[in-house]
Amino acid sequence: MTVLPNIAVPPVDEFPDLFGGPAAAMHIDGAAIAVITDLYREILPIGGAILDLMSGWVSHLPPEIAYSRVVGIGLNPCELAENPFLDEWRVQDLNRNPHLPFADHEFDGAALCVSVQHLTRPAEVIREVGRVLKPDAPLVVTFSERCRPTRAIGCWCLHDDAGHLCLIAHHFAEAGNWGDIRCLDRTPLGGGDPLYAVIGRSLGRWPVASDD
């Protein structure tokens, strides 16, 4: 396990379950978690370098797939240190600082699991993810209606699930460096918590270079 340098650890009372971690994971049931793992199995490249945003004690990645590198960004160093999927991790509050401490085109895929509703600067974060991903690499954003309204940003609470899909797709569009943006309903067919996803493909650093 490698801890990335220049870590700014917030006070303990700032991060109990705001971003990711056990509390966020337990807001969705096992069926919804299995759907997330299947989606990662389908979308994230085998053997690739993966960035897990707003990570916690578990990443829901397929355990049978070998990735070359999995890096977590989160708020709780204790949970990040316990996450068996992470090779490296960094404590960072993306609401205070959306800049990611990575080079352009460093990752082959990224995931943001049931925490997008906590971002106060979502387009800036998603733009940065597009920068650190290789061209055409995916970002998988998942969410469920099982979130604490008091923890979500105000505009999130004004929408239903269809509105949430449109809102996240708008964040991708506002970021300006994404293509092939898709909205999916992956609610388990056999019953379980609702589960939705928005997936985009990186176009690289913003502003995107033209072909002219």
Protein backbone atom coordinates (compact mmCIF):
# COMPACT_ATOMS: atom_id res chain seq x y z
CA MET A 1 0.00 0.00 0.00
CA THR A 2 1.47 3.36 -1.03
CA VAL A 3 0.35 6.68 0.42
CA LEU A 4 0.80 9.48 -2.10
CA PRO A 5 2.87 12.44 -0.88
CA ASN A 6 1.71 15.89 0.27
CA ILE A 7 -1.30 14.58 2.16
CA ALA A 8 -3.44 17.13 3.96
CA VAL A 9 -5.50 15.17 6.47
CA PRO A 10 -8.66 16.96 7.67
CA PRO A 11 -9.75 16.82 11.31
CA VAL A 12 -11.48 13.57 12.23
CA ASP A 13 -14.87 15.20 12.71
CA GLU A 14 -14.88 16.43 9.11
CA PHE A 15 -15.05 13.06 7.37
CA PRO A 16 -17.16 10.40 9.17
CA ASP A 17 -19.36 9.53 6.17
CA LEU A 18 -19.51 12.56 3.92
CA PHE A 19 -17.63 11.03 1.01
CA GLY A 20 -17.80 7.29 0.47
CA GLY A 21 -16.76 4.91 3.22
CA PRO A 22 -18.85 2.32 5.06
CA ALA A 23 -21.84 4.58 5.66
CA ALA A 24 -22.16 5.45 1.97
CA ALA A 25 -21.68 1.83 0.92
CA MET A 26 -24.33 0.65 3.36
CA HIS A 27 -26.87 3.05 1.88
CA ILE A 28 -27.34 0.58 -0.98
CA ASP A 29 -28.09 -3.11 -0.66
CA GLY A 30 -26.11 -6.11 -1.85
CA ALA A 31 -28.01 -6.37 -5.13
CA ALA A 32 -27.16 -2.78 -6.07
CA ILE A 33 -23.52 -3.28 -5.07
CA ALA A 34 -23.38 -6.39 -7.29
CA VAL A 35 -24.71 -4.30 -10.19
CA ILE A 36 -21.94 -1.74 -9.66
CA THR A 37 -19.32 -4.50 -9.71
CA ASP A 38 -20.84 -5.91 -12.92
CA LEU A 39 -20.78 -2.45 -14.48
CA TYR A 40 -17.10 -2.03 -13.60
CA ARG A 41 -16.47 -5.50 -15.03
CA GLU A 42 -18.14 -4.39 -18.26
CA ILE A 43 -16.69 -0.90 -18.62
CA LEU A 44 -13.33 -0.56 -16.86
CA PRO A 45 -10.40 -1.99 -18.87
CA ILE A 46 -8.77 -5.17 -17.63
CA GLY A 47 -5.19 -4.54 -16.57
CA GLY A 48 -5.66 -0.79 -16.62
CA ALA A 49 -4.76 1.91 -14.10
CA ILE A 50 -7.97 2.87 -12.26
CA LEU A 51 -8.78 6.03 -10.29
CA ASP A 52 -11.36 5.54 -7.51
CA LEU A 53 -12.83 8.93 -6.60
CA MET A 54 -14.35 9.66 -3.18
CA SER A 55 -13.19 6.24 -2.12
CA GLY A 56 -13.52 4.55 1.25
CA TRP A 57 -12.99 1.13 2.79
CA VAL A 58 -14.04 -0.81 -0.32
CA SER A 59 -14.07 -0.07 -4.05
CA HIS A 60 -16.56 -2.67 -5.39
CA LEU A 61 -14.17 -3.59 -8.21
CA PRO A 62 -14.37 -7.14 -9.58
CA PRO A 63 -12.06 -9.15 -7.30
CA GLU A 64 -11.09 -11.58 -10.06
CA ILE A 65 -9.76 -8.86 -12.39
CA ALA A 66 -6.15 -7.74 -12.13
CA TYR A 67 -5.62 -4.01 -12.59
CA SER A 68 -2.15 -2.57 -13.01
CA ARG A 69 -2.82 0.15 -10.42
CA VAL A 70 -5.77 1.32 -8.35
CA VAL A 71 -5.52 4.76 -6.74
CA GLY A 72 -8.07 6.08 -4.26
CA ILE A 73 -9.01 9.67 -3.46
CA GLY A 74 -11.05 10.12 -0.28
CA LEU A 75 -11.42 11.89 3.05
CA ASN A 76 -10.91 9.19 5.64
CA PRO A 77 -7.31 7.91 5.86
CA CYS A 78 -8.28 5.02 8.13
CA GLU A 79 -10.81 3.69 5.62
CA LEU A 80 -8.51 4.25 2.66
CA ALA A 81 -5.74 2.33 4.42
CA GLU A 82 -8.10 -0.61 4.96
CA ASN A 83 -9.32 -0.75 1.35
CA PRO A 84 -7.90 -4.00 -0.10
CA PHE A 85 -8.32 -2.81 -3.70
CA LEU A 86 -6.09 0.27 -3.40
CA ASP A 87 -2.42 0.26 -4.31
CA GLU A 88 -2.10 3.96 -3.49
CA TRP A 89 -4.31 6.55 -1.84
CA ARG A 90 -4.50 10.25 -1.10
CA VAL A 91 -6.63 12.21 1.36
CA GLN A 92 -8.20 15.12 -0.51
CA ASP A 93 -11.42 17.12 -0.18
CA LEU A 94 -12.53 17.59 -3.78
CA ASN A 95 -14.96 20.32 -2.77
CA ARG A 96 -12.09 22.43 -1.47
CA ASN A 97 -9.60 21.44 -4.12
CA PRO A 98 -10.88 19.77 -7.32
CA HIS A 99 -7.41 19.63 -8.90
CA LEU A 100 -6.14 16.05 -9.12
CA PRO A 101 -2.43 15.50 -8.33
CA PHE A 102 -1.78 13.38 -11.41
CA ALA A 103 -0.32 13.87 -14.88
CA ASP A 104 -2.35 14.10 -18.05
CA HIS A 105 -3.42 10.70 -19.46
CA GLU A 106 -2.23 8.78 -16.38
CA PHE A 107 -5.27 6.49 -15.95
CA ASP A 108 -7.22 4.02 -18.09
CA GLY A 109 -10.53 4.41 -16.25
CA ALA A 110 -12.19 6.04 -13.25
CA ALA A 111 -15.12 5.41 -10.95
CA LEU A 112 -17.27 7.60 -8.70
CA CYS A 113 -19.55 5.42 -6.62
CA VAL A 114 -22.79 6.71 -4.98
CA SER A 115 -21.16 9.97 -3.87
CA VAL A 116 -21.60 12.42 -6.74
CA GLN A 117 -24.44 14.12 -4.85
CA HIS A 118 -21.90 15.46 -2.34
CA LEU A 119 -19.80 17.37 -4.89
CA THR A 120 -20.23 21.14 -4.76
CA ARG A 121 -18.03 21.66 -7.85
CA PRO A 122 -18.92 18.59 -9.93
CA ALA A 123 -18.07 19.96 -13.37
CA GLU A 124 -14.60 21.02 -12.20
CA VAL A 125 -13.93 17.58 -10.73
CA ILE A 126 -15.21 15.79 -13.82
CA ARG A 127 -13.10 18.08 -16.04
CA GLU A 128 -10.03 17.13 -14.01
CA VAL A 129 -10.87 13.43 -14.31
CA GLY A 130 -11.04 13.88 -18.07
CA ARG A 131 -7.57 15.39 -18.01
CA VAL A 132 -5.93 12.54 -16.07
CA LEU A 133 -7.65 9.83 -18.14
CA LYS A 134 -6.28 8.62 -21.44
CA PRO A 135 -8.32 9.58 -24.51
CA ASP A 136 -11.49 7.47 -24.75
CA ALA A 137 -11.02 6.13 -21.22
CA PRO A 138 -14.28 5.86 -19.22
CA LEU A 139 -15.57 7.51 -16.09
CA VAL A 140 -18.39 5.52 -14.44
CA VAL A 141 -20.60 7.59 -12.11
CA THR A 142 -23.17 5.55 -10.17
CA PHE A 143 -25.91 6.70 -7.81
CA SER A 144 -29.02 5.51 -6.04
CA GLU A 145 -32.00 7.19 -4.43
CA ARG A 146 -30.69 5.75 -1.16
CA CYS A 147 -28.80 8.81 0.00
CA ARG A 148 -29.18 11.11 2.97
CA PRO A 149 -30.87 14.31 1.73
CA THR A 150 -29.15 16.35 4.43
CA ARG A 151 -25.78 15.22 3.09
CA ALA A 152 -26.55 15.96 -0.58
CA ILE A 153 -26.13 19.34 -2.26
CA GLY A 154 -29.33 21.35 -2.52
CA CYS A 155 -30.04 20.97 -6.23
CA TRP A 156 -29.79 17.18 -5.96
CA CYS A 157 -32.76 17.07 -3.62
CA LEU A 158 -34.93 18.95 -6.14
CA HIS A 159 -34.82 16.15 -8.75
CA ASP A 160 -36.14 12.63 -9.21
CA ASP A 161 -33.94 9.86 -10.60
CA ALA A 162 -34.50 10.92 -14.22
CA GLY A 163 -33.54 14.44 -13.20
CA HIS A 164 -30.43 13.15 -11.47
CA LEU A 165 -29.33 11.41 -14.68
CA CYS A 166 -29.84 14.64 -16.62
CA LEU A 167 -28.02 16.65 -13.96
CA ILE A 168 -24.95 14.39 -14.03
CA ALA A 169 -24.95 14.34 -17.84
CA HIS A 170 -25.05 18.14 -17.68
CA HIS A 171 -21.97 18.11 -15.41
CA PHE A 172 -20.13 16.05 -18.05
CA ALA A 173 -21.23 18.47 -20.79
CA GLU A 174 -20.28 21.51 -18.70
CA ALA A 175 -16.83 20.01 -18.07
CA GLY A 176 -16.32 20.23 -21.82
CA ASN A 177 -13.89 17.36 -22.35
CA TRP A 178 -16.19 14.34 -22.59
CA GLY A 179 -17.89 12.42 -25.37
CA ASP A 180 -20.18 9.40 -25.73
CA ILE A 181 -22.11 10.32 -22.58
CA ARG A 182 -24.65 7.61 -21.69
CA CYS A 183 -27.31 7.42 -19.00
CA LEU A 184 -28.23 3.94 -17.75
CA ASP A 185 -30.87 2.44 -15.47
CA ARG A 186 -29.19 -0.60 -13.91
CA THR A 187 -31.73 -1.26 -11.16
CA PRO A 188 -31.51 -4.98 -10.26
CA LEU A 189 -34.20 -6.94 -12.10
CA GLY A 190 -34.80 -9.30 -9.20
CA GLY A 191 -35.45 -6.50 -6.76
CA GLY A 192 -33.13 -4.27 -4.80
CA ASP A 193 -32.22 -0.64 -4.43
CA PRO A 194 -32.48 1.48 -7.59
CA LEU A 195 -29.12 1.93 -9.28
CA TYR A 196 -28.31 4.35 -12.10
CA ALA A 197 -25.15 5.26 -13.96
CA VAL A 198 -23.78 7.96 -16.22
CA ILE A 199 -20.75 7.01 -18.29
CA GLY A 200 -18.58 9.30 -20.38
CA ARG A 201 -15.42 8.91 -22.45
CA SER A 202 -12.53 11.33 -21.97
CA LEU A 203 -11.49 13.71 -24.72
CA GLY A 204 -8.38 14.76 -22.79
CA ARG A 205 -7.37 18.10 -21.32
CA TRP A 206 -9.85 20.98 -21.47
CA PRO A 207 -10.16 22.94 -23.68
CA VAL A 208 -10.18 20.04 -26.09
CA ALA A 209 -7.74 20.47 -28.97
CA SER A 210 -9.42 20.88 -32.36
CA ASP A 211 -8.45 19.01 -35.49
CA ASP A 212 -8.07 22.25 -37.46
